[in-house]
Every structure is written in structure tokens, then in C-alpha cells.
Amino acid sequence: MAKGHRSQIKRERNEKKDTRPSAKLSYARVSVQKACFVLDAIRGKDVETALAILAYNPRYASSLLLKLLKSAIANAENNNGMKAENLYIAECYANKGPTMKRIRPRAQGRAYRIEKRMSHITIVLDEK
């Protein structure tokens, strides 16, 4: 247990909070493996280059990430007062979300399970 009053504990916890602009997409209907192919292509790039990569990437996850990156840029401009030209992608990762289980009928009365995976995708920006 942490020592001190509850307000002191909360104050200490908030001091450690990350102040970089970010955006998170929860319950995206794409698997982590498929999202990571696109995330690896934009990690560490500046936002103009990343927007161009996502606009011309044929994968389904790129359309989700394009919208998410635009949201992170808007958060940086409106909430933190940063310029879009100076931003780059500091972190981007996909975590495993819940899995929907479905049944697929097969021959001779059998049933196979189909797992429709979801992911939680996060993009964190920073200034150069």
C-alpha cells in the first residue's frame, strides 16, 4: 500500500502521467497481427509521411489507422498547441482485444469454431 493521504497519492500518480498527444481505437475489428503490418510501416516516421503511407496502403487496417492518426494530430493541435509539421510518431502499438466466437457448420454434423479477433490500437505523437 502507498503511504499518504488519498489526494497525495492521486497527485503523485498524475505527475507521472504521459503528456504526449495520443489517440486510441478500442475494439477495432482487425487482428493484432494484421494491424502490426501497417503499424511497423509508419513507426518513427513524421506525420506527413505516415499519412501518405496510410493513404496508399491497400490493407484494411490502414483505413482505420489513417482516421486514428488524423485524430491524434487534431488532439496535438487543439489540446497541446503543437504544430503538425513538427510531429512524428513516437509510439504505435496494437494490443489484443476480446475475441468473438462463432460456429461454422462442417460435414457430418460437426461444428468448427471461428474466432473473430479484435484489437486496441494506440498512436502516440511527439515533437521533433
N, C-alpha and C. Protein backbone atom coordinates (compact mmCIF):
# COMPACT_ATOMS: atom_id res chain seq x y z
N MET A 1 0.83 -1.20 0.00
CA MET A 1 0.00 0.00 0.00
C MET A 1 0.87 1.25 0.00
N ALA A 2 0.43 2.24 -0.73
CA ALA A 2 1.14 3.51 -0.76
C ALA A 2 0.82 4.29 0.50
N LYS A 3 1.81 5.04 0.93
CA LYS A 3 1.61 5.82 2.15
C LYS A 3 1.14 7.21 1.78
N GLY A 4 0.40 7.83 2.70
CA GLY A 4 -0.07 9.19 2.49
C GLY A 4 -1.57 9.24 2.29
N HIS A 5 -2.04 10.44 2.20
CA HIS A 5 -3.47 10.68 2.01
C HIS A 5 -3.86 10.37 0.57
N ARG A 6 -5.13 10.07 0.36
CA ARG A 6 -5.61 9.69 -0.97
C ARG A 6 -5.33 10.77 -2.00
N SER A 7 -5.52 12.05 -1.63
CA SER A 7 -5.26 13.13 -2.58
C SER A 7 -3.77 13.23 -2.93
N GLN A 8 -2.90 12.94 -1.96
CA GLN A 8 -1.47 12.96 -2.22
C GLN A 8 -1.08 11.83 -3.17
N ILE A 9 -1.68 10.67 -2.98
CA ILE A 9 -1.40 9.52 -3.85
C ILE A 9 -1.83 9.83 -5.28
N LYS A 10 -3.03 10.43 -5.45
CA LYS A 10 -3.52 10.79 -6.78
C LYS A 10 -2.64 11.84 -7.43
N ARG A 11 -2.16 12.82 -6.63
CA ARG A 11 -1.29 13.86 -7.15
C ARG A 11 0.01 13.26 -7.68
N GLU A 12 0.58 12.32 -6.94
CA GLU A 12 1.82 11.68 -7.36
C GLU A 12 1.60 10.84 -8.63
N ARG A 13 0.44 10.19 -8.71
CA ARG A 13 0.14 9.38 -9.88
C ARG A 13 -0.03 10.25 -11.11
N ASN A 14 -0.65 11.43 -10.96
CA ASN A 14 -0.87 12.33 -12.09
C ASN A 14 0.41 13.01 -12.56
N GLU A 15 1.40 13.13 -11.67
CA GLU A 15 2.67 13.72 -12.07
C GLU A 15 3.41 12.81 -13.05
N LYS A 16 3.23 11.51 -12.91
CA LYS A 16 3.90 10.54 -13.77
C LYS A 16 3.18 10.33 -15.09
N LYS A 17 2.01 10.97 -15.26
CA LYS A 17 1.19 10.76 -16.44
C LYS A 17 1.87 11.29 -17.69
N ASP A 18 1.75 10.55 -18.79
CA ASP A 18 2.34 10.92 -20.06
C ASP A 18 1.55 12.07 -20.67
N THR A 19 2.22 13.17 -21.03
CA THR A 19 1.53 14.35 -21.56
C THR A 19 1.61 14.44 -23.08
N ARG A 20 2.21 13.44 -23.73
CA ARG A 20 2.29 13.47 -25.18
C ARG A 20 0.91 13.25 -25.79
N PRO A 21 0.62 13.89 -26.93
CA PRO A 21 -0.70 13.71 -27.56
C PRO A 21 -0.84 12.29 -28.11
N SER A 22 -2.03 11.73 -27.95
CA SER A 22 -2.25 10.36 -28.41
C SER A 22 -3.70 10.18 -28.82
N ALA A 23 -3.97 9.04 -29.43
CA ALA A 23 -5.33 8.64 -29.79
C ALA A 23 -5.40 7.13 -29.70
N LYS A 24 -6.54 6.63 -29.24
CA LYS A 24 -6.70 5.19 -29.07
C LYS A 24 -8.00 4.73 -29.73
N LEU A 25 -7.90 3.63 -30.44
CA LEU A 25 -9.06 3.00 -31.06
C LEU A 25 -9.28 1.67 -30.37
N SER A 26 -10.39 1.55 -29.65
CA SER A 26 -10.69 0.32 -28.93
C SER A 26 -11.65 -0.55 -29.75
N TYR A 27 -11.51 -1.83 -29.60
CA TYR A 27 -12.38 -2.82 -30.22
C TYR A 27 -12.39 -2.71 -31.75
N ALA A 28 -11.23 -2.51 -32.34
CA ALA A 28 -11.12 -2.47 -33.80
C ALA A 28 -11.27 -3.90 -34.33
N ARG A 29 -12.08 -4.09 -35.36
CA ARG A 29 -12.34 -5.43 -35.89
C ARG A 29 -11.25 -5.86 -36.85
N VAL A 30 -10.04 -5.88 -36.34
CA VAL A 30 -8.88 -6.35 -37.10
C VAL A 30 -7.96 -7.04 -36.09
N SER A 31 -7.31 -8.12 -36.51
CA SER A 31 -6.45 -8.84 -35.58
C SER A 31 -5.17 -8.04 -35.34
N VAL A 32 -4.51 -8.33 -34.24
CA VAL A 32 -3.28 -7.63 -33.87
C VAL A 32 -2.20 -7.86 -34.92
N GLN A 33 -2.10 -9.08 -35.42
CA GLN A 33 -1.07 -9.39 -36.41
C GLN A 33 -1.24 -8.56 -37.68
N LYS A 34 -2.48 -8.43 -38.14
CA LYS A 34 -2.74 -7.68 -39.36
C LYS A 34 -2.54 -6.18 -39.15
N ALA A 35 -2.86 -5.68 -37.94
CA ALA A 35 -2.66 -4.26 -37.65
C ALA A 35 -1.18 -3.94 -37.54
N CYS A 36 -0.38 -4.88 -37.03
CA CYS A 36 1.04 -4.62 -36.83
C CYS A 36 1.80 -4.51 -38.14
N PHE A 37 1.33 -5.14 -39.22
CA PHE A 37 1.96 -4.97 -40.53
C PHE A 37 1.96 -3.50 -40.93
N VAL A 38 0.84 -2.83 -40.71
CA VAL A 38 0.72 -1.42 -41.08
C VAL A 38 1.43 -0.54 -40.07
N LEU A 39 1.33 -0.87 -38.79
CA LEU A 39 1.97 -0.07 -37.74
C LEU A 39 3.49 -0.06 -37.89
N ASP A 40 4.06 -1.19 -38.30
CA ASP A 40 5.51 -1.25 -38.49
C ASP A 40 5.97 -0.33 -39.63
N ALA A 41 5.09 -0.10 -40.61
CA ALA A 41 5.45 0.74 -41.75
C ALA A 41 5.51 2.22 -41.37
N ILE A 42 4.75 2.65 -40.35
CA ILE A 42 4.69 4.09 -40.02
C ILE A 42 5.43 4.44 -38.74
N ARG A 43 5.90 3.46 -37.99
CA ARG A 43 6.55 3.73 -36.69
C ARG A 43 7.81 4.57 -36.88
N GLY A 44 7.89 5.70 -36.14
CA GLY A 44 9.07 6.57 -36.19
C GLY A 44 9.06 7.60 -37.30
N LYS A 45 8.10 7.56 -38.20
CA LYS A 45 8.04 8.49 -39.33
C LYS A 45 7.36 9.80 -38.90
N ASP A 46 7.62 10.87 -39.66
CA ASP A 46 6.88 12.10 -39.40
C ASP A 46 5.46 11.94 -39.93
N VAL A 47 4.54 12.79 -39.45
CA VAL A 47 3.12 12.55 -39.71
C VAL A 47 2.75 12.73 -41.19
N GLU A 48 3.43 13.63 -41.92
CA GLU A 48 3.10 13.80 -43.34
C GLU A 48 3.43 12.52 -44.12
N THR A 49 4.59 11.93 -43.83
CA THR A 49 4.98 10.69 -44.49
C THR A 49 4.05 9.55 -44.10
N ALA A 50 3.69 9.50 -42.82
CA ALA A 50 2.80 8.43 -42.34
C ALA A 50 1.42 8.53 -42.97
N LEU A 51 0.91 9.77 -43.13
CA LEU A 51 -0.40 9.95 -43.78
C LEU A 51 -0.35 9.47 -45.22
N ALA A 52 0.75 9.74 -45.91
CA ALA A 52 0.90 9.31 -47.30
C ALA A 52 0.99 7.79 -47.40
N ILE A 53 1.72 7.17 -46.48
CA ILE A 53 1.84 5.70 -46.48
C ILE A 53 0.48 5.06 -46.25
N LEU A 54 -0.26 5.59 -45.28
CA LEU A 54 -1.57 5.01 -44.96
C LEU A 54 -2.59 5.24 -46.07
N ALA A 55 -2.49 6.35 -46.77
CA ALA A 55 -3.45 6.65 -47.83
C ALA A 55 -3.34 5.67 -49.00
N TYR A 56 -2.11 5.17 -49.26
CA TYR A 56 -1.91 4.30 -50.41
C TYR A 56 -1.65 2.85 -50.04
N ASN A 57 -1.79 2.51 -48.78
CA ASN A 57 -1.61 1.12 -48.35
C ASN A 57 -2.92 0.35 -48.62
N PRO A 58 -2.89 -0.79 -49.28
CA PRO A 58 -4.13 -1.49 -49.63
C PRO A 58 -4.77 -2.28 -48.48
N ARG A 59 -4.11 -2.41 -47.36
CA ARG A 59 -4.65 -3.22 -46.27
C ARG A 59 -5.82 -2.52 -45.59
N TYR A 60 -6.73 -3.34 -45.01
CA TYR A 60 -7.92 -2.79 -44.34
C TYR A 60 -7.54 -1.97 -43.12
N ALA A 61 -6.52 -2.41 -42.38
CA ALA A 61 -6.11 -1.72 -41.15
C ALA A 61 -5.62 -0.31 -41.43
N SER A 62 -5.12 -0.05 -42.64
CA SER A 62 -4.60 1.28 -42.94
C SER A 62 -5.70 2.34 -42.96
N SER A 63 -6.91 1.96 -43.36
CA SER A 63 -8.02 2.93 -43.33
C SER A 63 -8.39 3.29 -41.89
N LEU A 64 -8.34 2.31 -40.99
CA LEU A 64 -8.60 2.58 -39.58
C LEU A 64 -7.50 3.46 -38.99
N LEU A 65 -6.25 3.16 -39.32
CA LEU A 65 -5.12 3.90 -38.76
C LEU A 65 -5.04 5.31 -39.32
N LEU A 66 -5.48 5.51 -40.56
CA LEU A 66 -5.50 6.85 -41.14
C LEU A 66 -6.41 7.77 -40.34
N LYS A 67 -7.58 7.28 -40.01
CA LYS A 67 -8.54 8.05 -39.23
C LYS A 67 -8.00 8.30 -37.81
N LEU A 68 -7.35 7.28 -37.24
CA LEU A 68 -6.80 7.39 -35.89
C LEU A 68 -5.64 8.39 -35.85
N LEU A 69 -4.79 8.38 -36.87
CA LEU A 69 -3.66 9.31 -36.92
C LEU A 69 -4.15 10.75 -37.08
N LYS A 70 -5.17 10.95 -37.89
CA LYS A 70 -5.74 12.29 -38.03
C LYS A 70 -6.31 12.79 -36.71
N SER A 71 -6.90 11.89 -35.94
CA SER A 71 -7.43 12.24 -34.63
C SER A 71 -6.31 12.62 -33.67
N ALA A 72 -5.20 11.88 -33.70
CA ALA A 72 -4.06 12.18 -32.83
C ALA A 72 -3.44 13.53 -33.19
N ILE A 73 -3.39 13.84 -34.49
CA ILE A 73 -2.85 15.14 -34.93
C ILE A 73 -3.75 16.27 -34.44
N ALA A 74 -5.07 16.07 -34.54
CA ALA A 74 -6.02 17.09 -34.07
C ALA A 74 -5.91 17.27 -32.56
N ASN A 75 -5.69 16.18 -31.82
CA ASN A 75 -5.50 16.28 -30.37
C ASN A 75 -4.25 17.09 -30.06
N ALA A 76 -3.18 16.88 -30.82
CA ALA A 76 -1.94 17.60 -30.58
C ALA A 76 -2.10 19.10 -30.85
N GLU A 77 -2.83 19.43 -31.92
CA GLU A 77 -3.01 20.83 -32.27
C GLU A 77 -3.94 21.55 -31.30
N ASN A 78 -5.07 20.92 -30.98
CA ASN A 78 -6.08 21.59 -30.17
C ASN A 78 -5.81 21.55 -28.67
N ASN A 79 -5.33 20.41 -28.17
CA ASN A 79 -5.15 20.26 -26.73
C ASN A 79 -3.76 20.68 -26.26
N ASN A 80 -2.73 20.45 -27.08
CA ASN A 80 -1.37 20.73 -26.65
C ASN A 80 -0.75 21.93 -27.37
N GLY A 81 -1.42 22.47 -28.37
CA GLY A 81 -0.91 23.64 -29.09
C GLY A 81 0.32 23.36 -29.91
N MET A 82 0.48 22.14 -30.42
CA MET A 82 1.65 21.79 -31.22
C MET A 82 1.36 22.01 -32.69
N LYS A 83 2.42 22.18 -33.47
CA LYS A 83 2.30 22.34 -34.92
C LYS A 83 2.38 20.96 -35.57
N ALA A 84 1.56 20.72 -36.59
CA ALA A 84 1.51 19.41 -37.26
C ALA A 84 2.80 19.10 -38.01
N GLU A 85 3.52 20.15 -38.47
CA GLU A 85 4.75 19.93 -39.23
C GLU A 85 5.86 19.33 -38.36
N ASN A 86 5.81 19.60 -37.05
CA ASN A 86 6.89 19.16 -36.15
C ASN A 86 6.63 17.80 -35.52
N LEU A 87 5.50 17.18 -35.81
CA LEU A 87 5.12 15.94 -35.13
C LEU A 87 5.67 14.71 -35.83
N TYR A 88 5.98 13.70 -35.03
CA TYR A 88 6.34 12.38 -35.55
C TYR A 88 5.70 11.32 -34.67
N ILE A 89 5.64 10.10 -35.15
CA ILE A 89 5.01 9.01 -34.42
C ILE A 89 6.04 8.41 -33.47
N ALA A 90 5.88 8.71 -32.19
CA ALA A 90 6.82 8.22 -31.17
C ALA A 90 6.54 6.76 -30.85
N GLU A 91 5.28 6.43 -30.65
CA GLU A 91 4.88 5.05 -30.34
C GLU A 91 3.62 4.71 -31.11
N CYS A 92 3.52 3.47 -31.54
CA CYS A 92 2.28 2.95 -32.10
C CYS A 92 2.27 1.45 -31.87
N TYR A 93 1.20 0.97 -31.27
CA TYR A 93 1.13 -0.45 -30.95
C TYR A 93 -0.32 -0.91 -30.94
N ALA A 94 -0.48 -2.22 -31.06
CA ALA A 94 -1.80 -2.84 -31.03
C ALA A 94 -1.81 -3.90 -29.94
N ASN A 95 -2.78 -3.82 -29.06
CA ASN A 95 -2.95 -4.81 -28.00
C ASN A 95 -4.14 -5.69 -28.32
N LYS A 96 -4.12 -6.89 -27.78
CA LYS A 96 -5.19 -7.85 -28.03
C LYS A 96 -6.48 -7.42 -27.33
N GLY A 97 -7.58 -7.49 -28.06
CA GLY A 97 -8.89 -7.21 -27.50
C GLY A 97 -9.67 -8.50 -27.33
N PRO A 98 -10.95 -8.41 -27.06
CA PRO A 98 -11.76 -9.61 -26.91
C PRO A 98 -11.95 -10.33 -28.25
N THR A 99 -12.25 -11.60 -28.18
CA THR A 99 -12.46 -12.42 -29.38
C THR A 99 -13.90 -12.88 -29.43
N MET A 100 -14.55 -12.65 -30.58
CA MET A 100 -15.91 -13.16 -30.77
C MET A 100 -15.81 -14.59 -31.28
N LYS A 101 -16.53 -15.50 -30.63
CA LYS A 101 -16.52 -16.90 -31.06
C LYS A 101 -17.76 -17.18 -31.89
N ARG A 102 -17.56 -17.75 -33.06
CA ARG A 102 -18.66 -18.10 -33.95
C ARG A 102 -18.51 -19.56 -34.36
N ILE A 103 -19.61 -20.16 -34.80
CA ILE A 103 -19.62 -21.57 -35.18
C ILE A 103 -19.78 -21.67 -36.69
N ARG A 104 -18.98 -22.54 -37.31
CA ARG A 104 -19.07 -22.81 -38.75
C ARG A 104 -19.51 -24.26 -38.93
N PRO A 105 -20.66 -24.49 -39.56
CA PRO A 105 -21.08 -25.88 -39.79
C PRO A 105 -20.16 -26.58 -40.78
N ARG A 106 -19.83 -27.83 -40.49
CA ARG A 106 -18.96 -28.62 -41.34
C ARG A 106 -19.66 -29.94 -41.70
N ALA A 107 -18.96 -30.77 -42.40
CA ALA A 107 -19.55 -32.02 -42.89
C ALA A 107 -19.86 -32.97 -41.74
N GLN A 108 -20.87 -33.80 -41.92
CA GLN A 108 -21.28 -34.86 -41.00
C GLN A 108 -21.67 -34.32 -39.62
N GLY A 109 -22.29 -33.14 -39.61
CA GLY A 109 -22.83 -32.59 -38.36
C GLY A 109 -21.80 -31.98 -37.43
N ARG A 110 -20.58 -31.85 -37.86
CA ARG A 110 -19.56 -31.26 -37.00
C ARG A 110 -19.66 -29.73 -37.04
N ALA A 111 -19.04 -29.09 -36.04
CA ALA A 111 -19.02 -27.63 -35.98
C ALA A 111 -17.61 -27.18 -35.67
N TYR A 112 -17.07 -26.28 -36.49
CA TYR A 112 -15.76 -25.71 -36.25
C TYR A 112 -15.93 -24.31 -35.68
N ARG A 113 -15.00 -23.93 -34.83
CA ARG A 113 -15.06 -22.61 -34.22
C ARG A 113 -14.30 -21.61 -35.09
N ILE A 114 -14.92 -20.45 -35.28
CA ILE A 114 -14.26 -19.34 -35.96
C ILE A 114 -14.06 -18.25 -34.91
N GLU A 115 -12.85 -17.73 -34.83
CA GLU A 115 -12.55 -16.67 -33.87
C GLU A 115 -12.36 -15.35 -34.62
N LYS A 116 -13.22 -14.39 -34.32
CA LYS A 116 -13.12 -13.07 -34.93
C LYS A 116 -12.42 -12.17 -33.92
N ARG A 117 -11.17 -11.88 -34.20
CA ARG A 117 -10.34 -11.18 -33.22
C ARG A 117 -10.49 -9.66 -33.32
N MET A 118 -10.31 -9.01 -32.17
CA MET A 118 -10.34 -7.55 -32.10
C MET A 118 -9.03 -7.06 -31.49
N SER A 119 -8.77 -5.77 -31.65
CA SER A 119 -7.55 -5.20 -31.08
C SER A 119 -7.81 -3.78 -30.61
N HIS A 120 -6.96 -3.33 -29.70
CA HIS A 120 -6.96 -1.96 -29.22
C HIS A 120 -5.68 -1.30 -29.77
N ILE A 121 -5.85 -0.29 -30.62
CA ILE A 121 -4.71 0.33 -31.30
C ILE A 121 -4.46 1.71 -30.71
N THR A 122 -3.19 2.02 -30.42
CA THR A 122 -2.80 3.30 -29.82
C THR A 122 -1.70 3.94 -30.65
N ILE A 123 -1.84 5.25 -30.88
CA ILE A 123 -0.80 6.05 -31.55
C ILE A 123 -0.43 7.20 -30.63
N VAL A 124 0.87 7.34 -30.35
CA VAL A 124 1.38 8.42 -29.51
C VAL A 124 2.32 9.26 -30.35
N LEU A 125 2.07 10.57 -30.39
CA LEU A 125 2.89 11.51 -31.16
C LEU A 125 3.83 12.27 -30.24
N ASP A 126 4.84 12.88 -30.84
CA ASP A 126 5.78 13.72 -30.09
C ASP A 126 6.37 14.74 -31.05
N GLU A 127 6.92 15.83 -30.50
CA GLU A 127 7.54 16.86 -31.33
C GLU A 127 9.01 16.55 -31.57
N LYS A 128 9.51 16.96 -32.73
CA LYS A 128 10.93 16.75 -33.06
C LYS A 128 11.78 17.71 -32.27
